[in-house]
Structure formats: structure tokens, C-alpha cells
Amino acid sequence: MTKAAHRVIRAADSLSHRANATDFPEGPVSMGWFEALVLGLVQGLTEFLPISSSAHLRITAALAGWDDPGAAFTAVTQIGTELAVILYFSKKIGRILAAWWRSLYQREARHDPDARLGWLIIVGSLPIVVLGLLFQDAIDSAFRDLRLTATTLIVFGILLLIADRVGRQYRTLDHLTVPHGIGYGFAQAMALIPGVSRSGGTVTAGLFLGYTRAEAAEYAFLLALPAVFGSGLYKLTDIGGENSPEWGPTILATLVAFGVGYLVIAWLMNYIKTKSYVPFVIYRIALGVLLIVLVATGVLDPNAGPAL
């Protein structure tokens, strides 16, 4: 290779480094205590409703002119809401864990419905683990584009409406099978894209499969536990690093999400006993359309937030 060629390569490499330093600033995301409080409230309010908590964290930061809190912040604050699931379903989770453990060494225990549910939660968690690792870079970058968020809010809102209308809603978790568990799992994995909604995606799948609203929601909440705790613990080391907030605001947001999330679970489980998901569908579509308008008119940059 000639000296001239070497100089061209060095110059291109230097330009690339300068461009990256401009487009993606190094260091932690700036986040104040008030911002952490607001984002914790948003996480707690939206995690269990079928409207996508990650989308709302992304949109709230963009509308307020704050840095994108990032995928690590979202993953860690979701630990708070999942702790609320453990508290709310503590008795059922205790039974599942005890029965599952017995099933490891007692053949007759494997016929216990709680043990079976424990194994199906593991099976249903596999898709999001595999896809989360395969698409890790996209989750932290491309998937957080506001245009994609708006699209998924609308499309998956319509799917939820169809499922709520056509689903036969006669099955309970006693009818859960391995294929159904995997189907739920792939639906949950779609929530790696902000706007899909972890609970919304899994509930939609459950309704299409014929499960009642309450049973579909309960399995969705239980299914999320391994995935969310795994993702949150995996992302812990990113907090305080590049494109992530410091520990203090993250802990505050997580605690707020826990308290608010518990209240939302209690309300939602009572609500869906007698009412449909239509109000959430209307909200999703309206928010998605509004987001498209704001991006199209230049009010919001699709990559709004200096940290993205």
C-alpha cells in the first residue's frame, strides 16, 4: 500500500472518530432528581397497561427536551415494577416456585399445575433471551427511533383491538401448553421495540389463543419476571456509563416505579374483569398519530435526545 493510501485511511479514520464524538457524546446522561421522579412515575403508570412503558419513557424525555434515558435506564427501572408483581402475586409465585422445585426430583410433582406453570414460564422466556442478545445493538439505538415507536403503537394497538373482539376468552392457565407458552414468549420478545408493550403484546397473543383477559394478563405479568430481572441485572453495569444516567436518579426512579406499579396492577386486574381494552387501543392510536405529526412537522426529531 502506498504512503498516499495510508494518509487517506488515517484521515478517514480521524474524521470518523470526530463524527462519532459529535453524534454520540461520551459519559453519563444528565438526569436531575425531578426528571428521575417523573420518569419513575411514567414507568410505574405504564408498565402494566398495554400502552408500552419504554415508548412513554422515550416520548416523555423527547417532549421535555431531556436526554434519552436509554435502554439501560429502562431495563433497570423495570426491576422496580417487577418487584411490584412479586409483591402482588406473592402467594401464587410462592406456590409456583415450591411446586417447580419439587418437580425437579419428584416425578408425581410434575403433574402439579403450579409446577407445570413454572416450567412454561421458563419456556416462554426463551425467545426474549435469544432475540435480546441477537439484537442488543439495535435495542440500544435503531429501535428507539420515534417513527418506529409511533408505528408500533398504532399497529399493535389495532392488533389488541382485534384480539379483544375475536378472542373466544374461555381458556384458563390450566389450558396452557408448550406451543402456547412459546407463542406468548415471541409476543413478549416484540416488546424489545418501544411502542409494542410487553404486557400488551403478550395479552394480545393470549386473547388470540382464547384465554380470558384476566388469565392472559396474569401470565403476561408472571412471564415478564425472568426476562425483566435478567435484562435489568445485565444492564446494571451500564448505569453511570456512556449514554446512561447516574446511580442516584436511577434508584429513585426504580423506587417510584415500584410503588406506582403496585397500585396500577391492583387497579388493572380489577378493571379487566368487566371491561375491554378498547380505551387503551384508542389511546395508543391517538398517541401514535400525534407522534407522527410532531416528527413530520419538525417539532420532534425522531432521534430526539442528545444521548441517542
C-alpha atoms as a PDB file:
ATOM      1  CA  MET A   1       0.000   0.000   0.000  1.00  0.00           C
ATOM      2  CA  THR A   2       1.387   3.435  -0.937  1.00  0.00           C
ATOM      3  CA  LYS A   3       2.121   6.224   1.557  1.00  0.00           C
ATOM      4  CA  ALA A   4      -0.663   8.279  -0.031  1.00  0.00           C
ATOM      5  CA  ALA A   5      -3.154   5.491   0.595  1.00  0.00           C
ATOM      6  CA  HIS A   6      -2.039   5.261   4.236  1.00  0.00           C
ATOM      7  CA  ARG A   7      -2.614   9.003   4.646  1.00  0.00           C
ATOM      8  CA  VAL A   8      -6.115   8.731   3.165  1.00  0.00           C
ATOM      9  CA  ILE A   9      -7.029   5.887   5.539  1.00  0.00           C
ATOM     10  CA  ARG A  10      -5.682   7.779   8.584  1.00  0.00           C
ATOM     11  CA  ALA A  11      -7.590  10.896   7.572  1.00  0.00           C
ATOM     12  CA  ALA A  12     -10.834   8.954   7.100  1.00  0.00           C
ATOM     13  CA  ASP A  13     -10.367   7.244  10.464  1.00  0.00           C
ATOM     14  CA  SER A  14      -9.781  10.604  12.154  1.00  0.00           C
ATOM     15  CA  LEU A  15     -12.924  12.057  10.579  1.00  0.00           C
ATOM     16  CA  SER A  16     -14.906   9.014  11.692  1.00  0.00           C
ATOM     17  CA  HIS A  17     -13.767   9.406  15.303  1.00  0.00           C
ATOM     18  CA  ARG A  18     -14.617  13.106  15.306  1.00  0.00           C
ATOM     19  CA  ALA A  19     -18.059  12.399  13.838  1.00  0.00           C
ATOM     20  CA  ASN A  20     -18.766   9.753  16.434  1.00  0.00           C
ATOM     21  CA  ALA A  21     -17.689  12.052  19.238  1.00  0.00           C
ATOM     22  CA  THR A  22     -20.095  14.700  17.942  1.00  0.00           C
ATOM     23  CA  ASP A  23     -23.064  12.443  17.303  1.00  0.00           C
ATOM     24  CA  PHE A  24     -22.743  10.263  20.384  1.00  0.00           C
ATOM     25  CA  PRO A  25     -21.352  12.159  23.355  1.00  0.00           C
ATOM     26  CA  GLU A  26     -19.440  10.068  25.845  1.00  0.00           C
ATOM     27  CA  GLY A  27     -20.187   9.977  29.540  1.00  0.00           C
ATOM     28  CA  PRO A  28     -23.328   9.524  31.642  1.00  0.00           C
ATOM     29  CA  VAL A  29     -26.669  11.003  30.596  1.00  0.00           C
ATOM     30  CA  SER A  30     -27.505  14.151  32.555  1.00  0.00           C
ATOM     31  CA  MET A  31     -30.543  13.425  34.760  1.00  0.00           C
ATOM     32  CA  GLY A  32     -31.798  15.510  37.675  1.00  0.00           C
ATOM     33  CA  TRP A  33     -33.880  14.315  40.613  1.00  0.00           C
ATOM     34  CA  PHE A  34     -37.098  15.826  39.255  1.00  0.00           C
ATOM     35  CA  GLU A  35     -36.534  14.153  35.904  1.00  0.00           C
ATOM     36  CA  ALA A  36     -35.948  10.817  37.664  1.00  0.00           C
ATOM     37  CA  LEU A  37     -39.155  11.275  39.667  1.00  0.00           C
ATOM     38  CA  VAL A  38     -41.191  11.966  36.526  1.00  0.00           C
ATOM     39  CA  LEU A  39     -39.706   9.051  34.602  1.00  0.00           C
ATOM     40  CA  GLY A  40     -40.259   6.740  37.586  1.00  0.00           C
ATOM     41  CA  LEU A  41     -43.919   7.786  37.651  1.00  0.00           C
ATOM     42  CA  VAL A  42     -44.196   7.179  33.911  1.00  0.00           C
ATOM     43  CA  GLN A  43     -42.593   3.738  34.230  1.00  0.00           C
ATOM     44  CA  GLY A  44     -44.882   2.733  37.099  1.00  0.00           C
ATOM     45  CA  LEU A  45     -48.029   4.027  35.402  1.00  0.00           C
ATOM     46  CA  THR A  46     -47.395   2.461  32.011  1.00  0.00           C
ATOM     47  CA  GLU A  47     -45.513  -0.816  32.598  1.00  0.00           C
ATOM     48  CA  PHE A  48     -48.597  -2.952  33.165  1.00  0.00           C
ATOM     49  CA  LEU A  49     -51.036  -1.086  30.947  1.00  0.00           C
ATOM     50  CA  PRO A  50     -50.928  -2.226  27.296  1.00  0.00           C
ATOM     51  CA  ILE A  51     -49.505   1.095  26.129  1.00  0.00           C
ATOM     52  CA  SER A  52     -45.705   0.494  26.329  1.00  0.00           C
ATOM     53  CA  SER A  53     -43.674   1.900  29.204  1.00  0.00           C
ATOM     54  CA  SER A  54     -40.474   2.078  27.115  1.00  0.00           C
ATOM     55  CA  ALA A  55     -42.296   4.165  24.491  1.00  0.00           C
ATOM     56  CA  HIS A  56     -43.582   6.554  27.153  1.00  0.00           C
ATOM     57  CA  LEU A  57     -40.157   6.949  28.741  1.00  0.00           C
ATOM     58  CA  ARG A  58     -38.737   7.669  25.289  1.00  0.00           C
ATOM     59  CA  ILE A  59     -41.521  10.115  24.361  1.00  0.00           C
ATOM     60  CA  THR A  60     -41.555  11.903  27.731  1.00  0.00           C
ATOM     61  CA  ALA A  61     -37.828  12.585  27.522  1.00  0.00           C
ATOM     62  CA  ALA A  62     -38.133  13.800  23.927  1.00  0.00           C
ATOM     63  CA  LEU A  63     -41.071  16.133  24.635  1.00  0.00           C
ATOM     64  CA  ALA A  64     -39.381  17.576  27.738  1.00  0.00           C
ATOM     65  CA  GLY A  65     -36.128  18.135  25.886  1.00  0.00           C
ATOM     66  CA  TRP A  66     -34.282  15.741  28.174  1.00  0.00           C
ATOM     67  CA  ASP A  67     -31.649  13.232  27.127  1.00  0.00           C
ATOM     68  CA  ASP A  68     -32.996   9.877  26.030  1.00  0.00           C
ATOM     69  CA  PRO A  69     -32.679   7.909  29.316  1.00  0.00           C
ATOM     70  CA  GLY A  70     -31.502   4.938  27.294  1.00  0.00           C
ATOM     71  CA  ALA A  71     -32.173   1.217  27.237  1.00  0.00           C
ATOM     72  CA  ALA A  72     -30.161   0.547  30.420  1.00  0.00           C
ATOM     73  CA  PHE A  73     -32.235   3.002  32.477  1.00  0.00           C
ATOM     74  CA  THR A  74     -35.454   1.482  31.115  1.00  0.00           C
ATOM     75  CA  ALA A  75     -34.282  -2.060  31.927  1.00  0.00           C
ATOM     76  CA  VAL A  76     -33.184  -1.217  35.482  1.00  0.00           C
ATOM     77  CA  THR A  77     -36.299   0.788  36.416  1.00  0.00           C
ATOM     78  CA  GLN A  78     -38.404  -2.140  35.227  1.00  0.00           C
ATOM     79  CA  ILE A  79     -36.915  -4.128  38.110  1.00  0.00           C
ATOM     80  CA  GLY A  80     -38.958  -1.851  40.363  1.00  0.00           C
ATOM     81  CA  THR A  81     -42.215  -2.654  38.604  1.00  0.00           C
ATOM     82  CA  GLU A  82     -41.441  -6.372  38.579  1.00  0.00           C
ATOM     83  CA  LEU A  83     -40.846  -6.265  42.339  1.00  0.00           C
ATOM     84  CA  ALA A  84     -44.414  -4.945  42.492  1.00  0.00           C
ATOM     85  CA  VAL A  85     -45.532  -8.072  40.572  1.00  0.00           C
ATOM     86  CA  ILE A  86     -43.764 -10.291  43.108  1.00  0.00           C
ATOM     87  CA  LEU A  87     -45.488  -8.493  45.975  1.00  0.00           C
ATOM     88  CA  TYR A  88     -48.943  -8.562  44.387  1.00  0.00           C
ATOM     89  CA  PHE A  89     -48.771 -12.225  43.283  1.00  0.00           C
ATOM     90  CA  SER A  90     -46.551 -13.332  46.189  1.00  0.00           C
ATOM     91  CA  LYS A  91     -48.727 -16.286  47.246  1.00  0.00           C
ATOM     92  CA  LYS A  92     -49.091 -17.628  43.716  1.00  0.00           C
ATOM     93  CA  ILE A  93     -45.405 -17.138  42.934  1.00  0.00           C
ATOM     94  CA  GLY A  94     -44.510 -18.924  46.164  1.00  0.00           C
ATOM     95  CA  ARG A  95     -46.665 -21.899  45.168  1.00  0.00           C
ATOM     96  CA  ILE A  96     -45.161 -21.975  41.667  1.00  0.00           C
ATOM     97  CA  LEU A  97     -41.579 -21.922  42.952  1.00  0.00           C
ATOM     98  CA  ALA A  98     -42.232 -24.606  45.574  1.00  0.00           C
ATOM     99  CA  ALA A  99     -44.028 -26.887  43.108  1.00  0.00           C
ATOM    100  CA  TRP A 100     -41.406 -26.336  40.397  1.00  0.00           C
ATOM    101  CA  TRP A 101     -38.597 -27.186  42.807  1.00  0.00           C
ATOM    102  CA  ARG A 102     -40.338 -30.400  43.886  1.00  0.00           C
ATOM    103  CA  SER A 103     -40.819 -31.337  40.244  1.00  0.00           C
ATOM    104  CA  LEU A 104     -37.048 -31.495  39.827  1.00  0.00           C
ATOM    105  CA  TYR A 105     -36.800 -34.608  41.981  1.00  0.00           C
ATOM    106  CA  GLN A 106     -40.365 -35.892  42.463  1.00  0.00           C
ATOM    107  CA  ARG A 107     -41.990 -37.463  39.418  1.00  0.00           C
ATOM    108  CA  GLU A 108     -45.538 -37.087  40.775  1.00  0.00           C
ATOM    109  CA  ALA A 109     -44.957 -33.367  41.434  1.00  0.00           C
ATOM    110  CA  ARG A 110     -44.532 -32.796  37.700  1.00  0.00           C
ATOM    111  CA  HIS A 111     -48.288 -33.131  37.286  1.00  0.00           C
ATOM    112  CA  ASP A 112     -48.916 -30.258  39.692  1.00  0.00           C
ATOM    113  CA  PRO A 113     -50.467 -27.325  37.714  1.00  0.00           C
ATOM    114  CA  ASP A 114     -48.201 -24.859  39.555  1.00  0.00           C
ATOM    115  CA  ALA A 115     -45.078 -26.845  38.669  1.00  0.00           C
ATOM    116  CA  ARG A 116     -46.217 -27.026  35.063  1.00  0.00           C
ATOM    117  CA  LEU A 117     -46.801 -23.272  35.019  1.00  0.00           C
ATOM    118  CA  GLY A 118     -43.289 -22.745  36.362  1.00  0.00           C
ATOM    119  CA  TRP A 119     -41.794 -24.760  33.510  1.00  0.00           C
ATOM    120  CA  LEU A 120     -43.946 -22.933  30.955  1.00  0.00           C
ATOM    121  CA  ILE A 121     -42.739 -19.574  32.282  1.00  0.00           C
ATOM    122  CA  ILE A 122     -39.185 -20.771  31.625  1.00  0.00           C
ATOM    123  CA  VAL A 123     -40.114 -21.981  28.131  1.00  0.00           C
ATOM    124  CA  GLY A 124     -41.904 -18.709  27.368  1.00  0.00           C
ATOM    125  CA  SER A 125     -38.857 -16.714  28.466  1.00  0.00           C
ATOM    126  CA  LEU A 126     -36.512 -18.297  25.916  1.00  0.00           C
ATOM    127  CA  PRO A 127     -37.496 -16.192  22.849  1.00  0.00           C
ATOM    128  CA  ILE A 128     -36.797 -12.832  24.508  1.00  0.00           C
ATOM    129  CA  VAL A 129     -33.453 -14.058  25.865  1.00  0.00           C
ATOM    130  CA  VAL A 130     -32.284 -15.213  22.443  1.00  0.00           C
ATOM    131  CA  LEU A 131     -33.643 -12.233  20.483  1.00  0.00           C
ATOM    132  CA  GLY A 132     -32.490  -9.763  23.137  1.00  0.00           C
ATOM    133  CA  LEU A 133     -28.905 -10.957  22.776  1.00  0.00           C
ATOM    134  CA  LEU A 134     -29.075 -11.113  18.970  1.00  0.00           C
ATOM    135  CA  PHE A 135     -30.490  -7.588  18.592  1.00  0.00           C
ATOM    136  CA  GLN A 136     -28.731  -5.916  21.526  1.00  0.00           C
ATOM    137  CA  ASP A 137     -27.173  -3.145  19.417  1.00  0.00           C
ATOM    138  CA  ALA A 138     -30.454  -2.345  17.656  1.00  0.00           C
ATOM    139  CA  ILE A 139     -32.290  -2.247  21.003  1.00  0.00           C
ATOM    140  CA  ASP A 140     -29.878   0.440  22.200  1.00  0.00           C
ATOM    141  CA  SER A 141     -30.077   2.501  19.003  1.00  0.00           C
ATOM    142  CA  ALA A 142     -32.243   1.873  15.915  1.00  0.00           C
ATOM    143  CA  PHE A 143     -35.249   0.502  17.788  1.00  0.00           C
ATOM    144  CA  ARG A 144     -35.516   3.776  19.741  1.00  0.00           C
ATOM    145  CA  ASP A 145     -36.360   5.864  16.653  1.00  0.00           C
ATOM    146  CA  LEU A 146     -39.602   7.762  17.365  1.00  0.00           C
ATOM    147  CA  ARG A 147     -41.004   6.944  13.924  1.00  0.00           C
ATOM    148  CA  LEU A 148     -40.744   3.245  14.709  1.00  0.00           C
ATOM    149  CA  THR A 149     -42.252   3.858  18.148  1.00  0.00           C
ATOM    150  CA  ALA A 150     -45.252   5.648  16.605  1.00  0.00           C
ATOM    151  CA  THR A 151     -45.779   2.851  14.084  1.00  0.00           C
ATOM    152  CA  THR A 152     -45.690   0.084  16.671  1.00  0.00           C
ATOM    153  CA  LEU A 153     -48.065   1.992  18.962  1.00  0.00           C
ATOM    154  CA  ILE A 154     -50.665   2.097  16.173  1.00  0.00           C
ATOM    155  CA  VAL A 155     -50.156  -1.353  14.630  1.00  0.00           C
ATOM    156  CA  PHE A 156     -50.072  -3.277  17.895  1.00  0.00           C
ATOM    157  CA  GLY A 157     -52.971  -1.216  19.204  1.00  0.00           C
ATOM    158  CA  ILE A 158     -55.071  -2.400  16.265  1.00  0.00           C
ATOM    159  CA  LEU A 159     -53.950  -5.996  16.868  1.00  0.00           C
ATOM    160  CA  LEU A 160     -55.004  -5.702  20.519  1.00  0.00           C
ATOM    161  CA  LEU A 161     -58.430  -4.434  19.430  1.00  0.00           C
ATOM    162  CA  ILE A 162     -58.901  -7.342  17.014  1.00  0.00           C
ATOM    163  CA  ALA A 163     -57.791  -9.879  19.630  1.00  0.00           C
ATOM    164  CA  ASP A 164     -60.100  -8.367  22.235  1.00  0.00           C
ATOM    165  CA  ARG A 165     -63.032  -8.628  19.822  1.00  0.00           C
ATOM    166  CA  VAL A 166     -62.446 -12.030  18.193  1.00  0.00           C
ATOM    167  CA  GLY A 167     -60.778 -13.952  21.044  1.00  0.00           C
ATOM    168  CA  ARG A 168     -63.078 -16.628  22.471  1.00  0.00           C
ATOM    169  CA  GLN A 169     -61.845 -15.961  26.037  1.00  0.00           C
ATOM    170  CA  TYR A 170     -62.680 -19.332  27.542  1.00  0.00           C
ATOM    171  CA  ARG A 171     -59.245 -20.700  28.433  1.00  0.00           C
ATOM    172  CA  THR A 172     -57.536 -20.507  31.825  1.00  0.00           C
ATOM    173  CA  LEU A 173     -53.874 -21.075  32.613  1.00  0.00           C
ATOM    174  CA  ASP A 174     -54.700 -24.747  33.173  1.00  0.00           C
ATOM    175  CA  HIS A 175     -55.038 -24.941  29.363  1.00  0.00           C
ATOM    176  CA  LEU A 176     -51.540 -23.539  28.795  1.00  0.00           C
ATOM    177  CA  THR A 177     -49.359 -25.714  26.545  1.00  0.00           C
ATOM    178  CA  VAL A 178     -45.756 -25.563  25.385  1.00  0.00           C
ATOM    179  CA  PRO A 179     -46.711 -24.138  21.941  1.00  0.00           C
ATOM    180  CA  HIS A 180     -48.892 -21.538  23.648  1.00  0.00           C
ATOM    181  CA  GLY A 181     -46.058 -20.671  26.031  1.00  0.00           C
ATOM    182  CA  ILE A 182     -43.662 -20.179  23.121  1.00  0.00           C
ATOM    183  CA  GLY A 183     -46.277 -18.072  21.317  1.00  0.00           C
ATOM    184  CA  TYR A 184     -46.613 -15.878  24.383  1.00  0.00           C
ATOM    185  CA  GLY A 185     -42.814 -15.717  24.533  1.00  0.00           C
ATOM    186  CA  PHE A 186     -42.389 -14.442  20.988  1.00  0.00           C
ATOM    187  CA  ALA A 187     -45.115 -11.855  21.616  1.00  0.00           C
ATOM    188  CA  GLN A 188     -43.220 -10.698  24.699  1.00  0.00           C
ATOM    189  CA  ALA A 189     -39.997 -10.503  22.697  1.00  0.00           C
ATOM    190  CA  MET A 190     -41.611  -7.993  20.329  1.00  0.00           C
ATOM    191  CA  ALA A 191     -41.603  -5.560  23.259  1.00  0.00           C
ATOM    192  CA  LEU A 192     -37.869  -5.136  22.711  1.00  0.00           C
ATOM    193  CA  ILE A 193     -39.134  -2.446  20.324  1.00  0.00           C
ATOM    194  CA  PRO A 194     -40.511   0.589  22.206  1.00  0.00           C
ATOM    195  CA  GLY A 195     -44.182   1.020  21.410  1.00  0.00           C
ATOM    196  CA  VAL A 196     -45.138  -2.665  21.329  1.00  0.00           C
ATOM    197  CA  SER A 197     -45.718  -3.059  25.106  1.00  0.00           C
ATOM    198  CA  ARG A 198     -44.615  -6.169  26.946  1.00  0.00           C
ATOM    199  CA  SER A 199     -47.991  -6.647  28.625  1.00  0.00           C
ATOM    200  CA  GLY A 200     -49.898  -5.531  25.509  1.00  0.00           C
ATOM    201  CA  GLY A 201     -48.064  -7.937  23.232  1.00  0.00           C
ATOM    202  CA  THR A 202     -48.443 -10.960  25.497  1.00  0.00           C
ATOM    203  CA  VAL A 203     -52.074 -10.172  26.338  1.00  0.00           C
ATOM    204  CA  THR A 204     -52.822  -9.831  22.616  1.00  0.00           C
ATOM    205  CA  ALA A 205     -51.287 -13.246  21.973  1.00  0.00           C
ATOM    206  CA  GLY A 206     -53.242 -14.725  24.874  1.00  0.00           C
ATOM    207  CA  LEU A 207     -56.540 -13.313  23.644  1.00  0.00           C
ATOM    208  CA  PHE A 208     -55.918 -14.664  20.140  1.00  0.00           C
ATOM    209  CA  LEU A 209     -55.227 -18.069  21.729  1.00  0.00           C
ATOM    210  CA  GLY A 210     -58.566 -17.954  23.540  1.00  0.00           C
ATOM    211  CA  TYR A 211     -57.505 -17.036  27.081  1.00  0.00           C
ATOM    212  CA  THR A 212     -59.617 -14.736  29.235  1.00  0.00           C
ATOM    213  CA  ARG A 213     -58.444 -11.168  29.787  1.00  0.00           C
ATOM    214  CA  ALA A 214     -57.551 -11.815  33.427  1.00  0.00           C
ATOM    215  CA  GLU A 215     -55.703 -15.099  32.733  1.00  0.00           C
ATOM    216  CA  ALA A 216     -53.810 -13.601  29.785  1.00  0.00           C
ATOM    217  CA  ALA A 217     -52.766 -10.604  31.898  1.00  0.00           C
ATOM    218  CA  GLU A 218     -51.699 -12.754  34.845  1.00  0.00           C
ATOM    219  CA  TYR A 219     -49.495 -14.976  32.683  1.00  0.00           C
ATOM    220  CA  ALA A 220     -48.089 -11.875  30.967  1.00  0.00           C
ATOM    221  CA  PHE A 221     -47.042 -10.436  34.331  1.00  0.00           C
ATOM    222  CA  LEU A 222     -45.536 -13.720  35.535  1.00  0.00           C
ATOM    223  CA  LEU A 223     -43.801 -14.361  32.207  1.00  0.00           C
ATOM    224  CA  ALA A 224     -42.108 -10.967  32.391  1.00  0.00           C
ATOM    225  CA  LEU A 225     -40.334 -11.739  35.680  1.00  0.00           C
ATOM    226  CA  PRO A 226     -37.357 -13.783  34.381  1.00  0.00           C
ATOM    227  CA  ALA A 227     -36.878 -11.588  31.315  1.00  0.00           C
ATOM    228  CA  VAL A 228     -37.082  -8.254  33.137  1.00  0.00           C
ATOM    229  CA  PHE A 229     -34.889  -9.284  36.046  1.00  0.00           C
ATOM    230  CA  GLY A 230     -32.394 -10.819  33.637  1.00  0.00           C
ATOM    231  CA  SER A 231     -32.339  -7.721  31.442  1.00  0.00           C
ATOM    232  CA  GLY A 232     -32.164  -5.362  34.420  1.00  0.00           C
ATOM    233  CA  LEU A 233     -29.308  -7.216  36.083  1.00  0.00           C
ATOM    234  CA  TYR A 234     -27.489  -7.486  32.739  1.00  0.00           C
ATOM    235  CA  LYS A 235     -27.766  -3.716  32.237  1.00  0.00           C
ATOM    236  CA  LEU A 236     -26.788  -2.767  35.814  1.00  0.00           C
ATOM    237  CA  THR A 237     -23.157  -2.323  34.850  1.00  0.00           C
ATOM    238  CA  ASP A 238     -24.154   0.222  32.183  1.00  0.00           C
ATOM    239  CA  ILE A 239     -25.692   2.631  34.714  1.00  0.00           C
ATOM    240  CA  GLY A 240     -23.413   5.623  35.206  1.00  0.00           C
ATOM    241  CA  GLY A 241     -21.588   4.791  31.996  1.00  0.00           C
ATOM    242  CA  GLU A 242     -21.851   6.156  28.481  1.00  0.00           C
ATOM    243  CA  ASN A 243     -25.405   7.144  27.478  1.00  0.00           C
ATOM    244  CA  SER A 244     -26.898   6.133  30.864  1.00  0.00           C
ATOM    245  CA  PRO A 245     -27.864   8.193  33.953  1.00  0.00           C
ATOM    246  CA  GLU A 246     -26.006   8.099  37.262  1.00  0.00           C
ATOM    247  CA  TRP A 247     -26.984   5.664  40.026  1.00  0.00           C
ATOM    248  CA  GLY A 248     -28.796   8.117  42.315  1.00  0.00           C
ATOM    249  CA  PRO A 249     -31.548   9.200  39.880  1.00  0.00           C
ATOM    250  CA  THR A 250     -31.864   5.626  38.586  1.00  0.00           C
ATOM    251  CA  ILE A 251     -32.508   4.259  42.085  1.00  0.00           C
ATOM    252  CA  LEU A 252     -35.080   6.985  42.786  1.00  0.00           C
ATOM    253  CA  ALA A 253     -36.931   6.236  39.545  1.00  0.00           C
ATOM    254  CA  THR A 254     -36.882   2.500  40.315  1.00  0.00           C
ATOM    255  CA  LEU A 255     -38.377   3.004  43.798  1.00  0.00           C
ATOM    256  CA  VAL A 256     -41.099   5.299  42.464  1.00  0.00           C
ATOM    257  CA  ALA A 257     -41.889   2.787  39.695  1.00  0.00           C
ATOM    258  CA  PHE A 258     -42.277   0.047  42.327  1.00  0.00           C
ATOM    259  CA  GLY A 259     -44.842   1.953  44.411  1.00  0.00           C
ATOM    260  CA  VAL A 260     -46.878   3.249  41.497  1.00  0.00           C
ATOM    261  CA  GLY A 261     -46.657  -0.059  39.640  1.00  0.00           C
ATOM    262  CA  TYR A 262     -48.212  -1.964  42.526  1.00  0.00           C
ATOM    263  CA  LEU A 263     -51.237   0.338  42.549  1.00  0.00           C
ATOM    264  CA  VAL A 264     -51.628   0.004  38.780  1.00  0.00           C
ATOM    265  CA  ILE A 265     -51.574  -3.815  38.922  1.00  0.00           C
ATOM    266  CA  ALA A 266     -54.304  -3.832  41.572  1.00  0.00           C
ATOM    267  CA  TRP A 267     -56.436  -1.439  39.527  1.00  0.00           C
ATOM    268  CA  LEU A 268     -55.917  -3.209  36.186  1.00  0.00           C
ATOM    269  CA  MET A 269     -56.678  -6.719  37.458  1.00  0.00           C
ATOM    270  CA  ASN A 270     -59.996  -5.422  38.782  1.00  0.00           C
ATOM    271  CA  TYR A 271     -60.730  -3.374  35.642  1.00  0.00           C
ATOM    272  CA  ILE A 272     -60.326  -6.189  33.097  1.00  0.00           C
ATOM    273  CA  LYS A 273     -62.773  -8.463  34.933  1.00  0.00           C
ATOM    274  CA  THR A 274     -65.641  -6.494  33.431  1.00  0.00           C
ATOM    275  CA  LYS A 275     -64.241  -4.083  30.840  1.00  0.00           C
ATOM    276  CA  SER A 276     -62.437  -4.303  27.500  1.00  0.00           C
ATOM    277  CA  TYR A 277     -59.106  -2.963  26.257  1.00  0.00           C
ATOM    278  CA  VAL A 278     -60.772  -0.515  23.831  1.00  0.00           C
ATOM    279  CA  PRO A 279     -59.843   2.665  25.796  1.00  0.00           C
ATOM    280  CA  PHE A 280     -56.173   1.628  25.691  1.00  0.00           C
ATOM    281  CA  VAL A 281     -56.413   0.949  21.956  1.00  0.00           C
ATOM    282  CA  ILE A 282     -57.839   4.426  21.326  1.00  0.00           C
ATOM    283  CA  TYR A 283     -55.095   5.973  23.432  1.00  0.00           C
ATOM    284  CA  ARG A 284     -52.339   4.035  21.616  1.00  0.00           C
ATOM    285  CA  ILE A 285     -53.588   5.050  18.171  1.00  0.00           C
ATOM    286  CA  ALA A 286     -54.059   8.694  19.176  1.00  0.00           C
ATOM    287  CA  LEU A 287     -50.575   8.853  20.697  1.00  0.00           C
ATOM    288  CA  GLY A 288     -49.023   7.193  17.660  1.00  0.00           C
ATOM    289  CA  VAL A 289     -50.724   9.620  15.262  1.00  0.00           C
ATOM    290  CA  LEU A 290     -49.714  12.600  17.399  1.00  0.00           C
ATOM    291  CA  LEU A 291     -46.125  11.386  17.449  1.00  0.00           C
ATOM    292  CA  ILE A 292     -46.073  11.026  13.655  1.00  0.00           C
ATOM    293  CA  VAL A 293     -47.420  14.584  13.282  1.00  0.00           C
ATOM    294  CA  LEU A 294     -44.846  16.001  15.709  1.00  0.00           C
ATOM    295  CA  VAL A 295     -41.995  14.271  13.899  1.00  0.00           C
ATOM    296  CA  ALA A 296     -43.324  15.127  10.402  1.00  0.00           C
ATOM    297  CA  THR A 297     -43.716  18.813  11.269  1.00  0.00           C
ATOM    298  CA  GLY A 298     -40.250  19.014  12.780  1.00  0.00           C
ATOM    299  CA  VAL A 299     -41.456  19.650  16.328  1.00  0.00           C
ATOM    300  CA  LEU A 300     -39.659  16.474  17.406  1.00  0.00           C
ATOM    301  CA  ASP A 301     -36.514  14.969  15.949  1.00  0.00           C
ATOM    302  CA  PRO A 302     -37.061  11.201  15.500  1.00  0.00           C
ATOM    303  CA  ASN A 303     -33.785  10.757  17.310  1.00  0.00           C
ATOM    304  CA  ALA A 304     -34.644  13.463  19.874  1.00  0.00           C
ATOM    305  CA  GLY A 305     -32.440  13.463  22.937  1.00  0.00           C
ATOM    306  CA  PRO A 306     -28.692  14.190  22.825  1.00  0.00           C
ATOM    307  CA  ALA A 307     -27.842  10.787  24.243  1.00  0.00           C
ATOM    308  CA  LEU A 308     -29.335   8.796  21.398  1.00  0.00           C
END
